[in-house]
Amino acid sequence: MAEAKITEFKKSDETHKISDKRGNGKLRREVWVDTKGKVVRYNLAYINQQLFQGDNGRVIGYDNAHGTHHRHYFGGVSPVDFVSFDDIEERFEADWLALGSMK
């Protein structure tokens, strides 16, 4: 029987607790890369069930599940133009910081 060839692996799987003073909740980052180091899947999320109970508490998120790049915002989902993973991370950070300044 032929051995299965691994074409991608999870490079990052992080969860960071946000202090109550900074807004509470969690930041979640999951990144999968191919054998050449190119990002092939990702999931970035700010989760805070005190702010939003729908979508498992995901207030803001970016991912490319189901073959499309999209943004989650308080339960709404909208497509995003993918330039690079670095650009997606910058958008996510800007959204999260903007949310904090609205409080």
Protein backbone atom coordinates (compact mmCIF):
# COMPACT_ATOMS: atom_id res chain seq x y z
CA MET A 1 0.00 0.00 0.00
CA ALA A 2 1.38 3.41 -0.97
CA GLU A 3 2.16 5.84 1.81
CA ALA A 4 -0.02 8.97 1.85
CA LYS A 5 1.84 12.09 0.80
CA ILE A 6 1.45 15.04 3.15
CA THR A 7 0.67 18.14 1.12
CA GLU A 8 -0.06 20.56 3.97
CA PHE A 9 0.44 20.83 7.70
CA LYS A 10 -0.73 23.06 10.52
CA LYS A 11 2.03 25.57 11.16
CA SER A 12 0.25 27.64 13.79
CA ASP A 13 -2.48 26.89 16.31
CA GLU A 14 -2.66 29.64 18.90
CA THR A 15 -5.25 31.00 21.30
CA HIS A 16 -4.57 34.12 23.37
CA LYS A 17 -6.79 35.29 26.22
CA ILE A 18 -7.51 39.01 26.10
CA SER A 19 -7.57 40.66 29.51
CA ASP A 20 -10.85 42.11 30.75
CA LYS A 21 -9.22 45.55 30.69
CA ARG A 22 -8.42 45.21 26.97
CA GLY A 23 -11.85 43.91 25.99
CA ASN A 24 -12.05 40.30 27.15
CA GLY A 25 -12.43 37.34 24.82
CA LYS A 26 -9.87 35.34 22.85
CA LEU A 27 -7.79 35.76 19.73
CA ARG A 28 -7.55 32.58 17.67
CA ARG A 29 -5.01 31.95 14.90
CA GLU A 30 -4.74 28.78 12.82
CA VAL A 31 -2.53 28.54 9.74
CA TRP A 32 -1.81 25.63 7.42
CA VAL A 33 1.04 25.70 4.88
CA ASP A 34 2.07 23.51 1.97
CA THR A 35 5.44 21.77 1.70
CA LYS A 36 6.97 24.98 0.29
CA GLY A 37 5.72 27.14 3.18
CA LYS A 38 2.90 28.84 1.29
CA VAL A 39 -0.24 29.49 3.37
CA VAL A 40 -3.04 27.29 2.01
CA ARG A 41 -5.62 27.58 4.81
CA TYR A 42 -6.17 30.01 7.64
CA ASN A 43 -8.60 30.94 10.38
CA LEU A 44 -8.23 34.19 12.33
CA ALA A 45 -10.89 35.06 14.90
CA TYR A 46 -11.73 37.33 17.78
CA ILE A 47 -14.16 35.43 20.01
CA ASN A 48 -16.13 37.15 22.76
CA GLN A 49 -19.48 35.70 23.80
CA GLN A 50 -20.20 38.77 25.93
CA LEU A 51 -20.27 40.91 22.76
CA PHE A 52 -21.89 38.41 20.40
CA GLN A 53 -23.52 35.07 21.13
CA GLY A 54 -24.06 33.92 17.54
CA ASP A 55 -21.47 32.15 15.36
CA ASN A 56 -19.96 30.51 18.48
CA GLY A 57 -19.01 33.95 19.81
CA ARG A 58 -16.97 34.92 16.75
CA VAL A 59 -17.15 38.71 16.64
CA ILE A 60 -14.61 39.21 13.85
CA GLY A 61 -12.96 36.56 11.71
CA TYR A 62 -11.20 35.90 8.45
CA ASP A 63 -10.84 32.47 6.87
CA ASN A 64 -10.81 30.64 3.59
CA ALA A 65 -13.01 27.69 4.50
CA HIS A 66 -15.21 26.28 1.76
CA GLY A 67 -12.83 27.54 -0.93
CA THR A 68 -13.54 31.26 -0.54
CA HIS A 69 -11.78 34.05 1.33
CA HIS A 70 -14.26 35.82 3.56
CA ARG A 71 -14.78 38.00 6.62
CA HIS A 72 -17.10 37.34 9.54
CA TYR A 73 -18.43 40.36 11.44
CA PHE A 74 -21.07 39.95 14.14
CA GLY A 75 -22.68 37.03 12.28
CA GLY A 76 -22.51 38.52 8.80
CA VAL A 77 -20.24 36.99 6.18
CA SER A 78 -18.83 38.89 3.22
CA PRO A 79 -16.25 37.95 0.56
CA VAL A 80 -12.83 39.61 0.64
CA ASP A 81 -10.29 40.08 -2.12
CA PHE A 82 -7.25 38.00 -1.30
CA VAL A 83 -3.94 39.77 -1.93
CA SER A 84 -1.75 37.86 0.51
CA PHE A 85 -2.00 36.22 3.91
CA ASP A 86 0.00 39.11 5.39
CA ASP A 87 -2.67 41.49 4.06
CA ILE A 88 -5.43 39.37 5.65
CA GLU A 89 -3.61 39.45 9.00
CA GLU A 90 -3.29 43.25 8.74
CA ARG A 91 -7.02 43.59 7.98
CA PHE A 92 -7.89 41.36 10.92
CA GLU A 93 -5.69 43.36 13.28
CA ALA A 94 -7.15 46.66 12.04
CA ASP A 95 -10.71 45.35 12.54
CA TRP A 96 -9.92 44.13 16.05
CA LEU A 97 -8.23 47.38 17.06
CA ALA A 98 -11.11 49.44 15.59
CA LEU A 99 -13.58 47.38 17.58
CA GLY A 100 -11.69 48.19 20.76
CA SER A 101 -11.77 51.90 20.05
CA MET A 102 -15.57 51.82 19.63
CA LYS A 103 -16.13 50.69 23.22
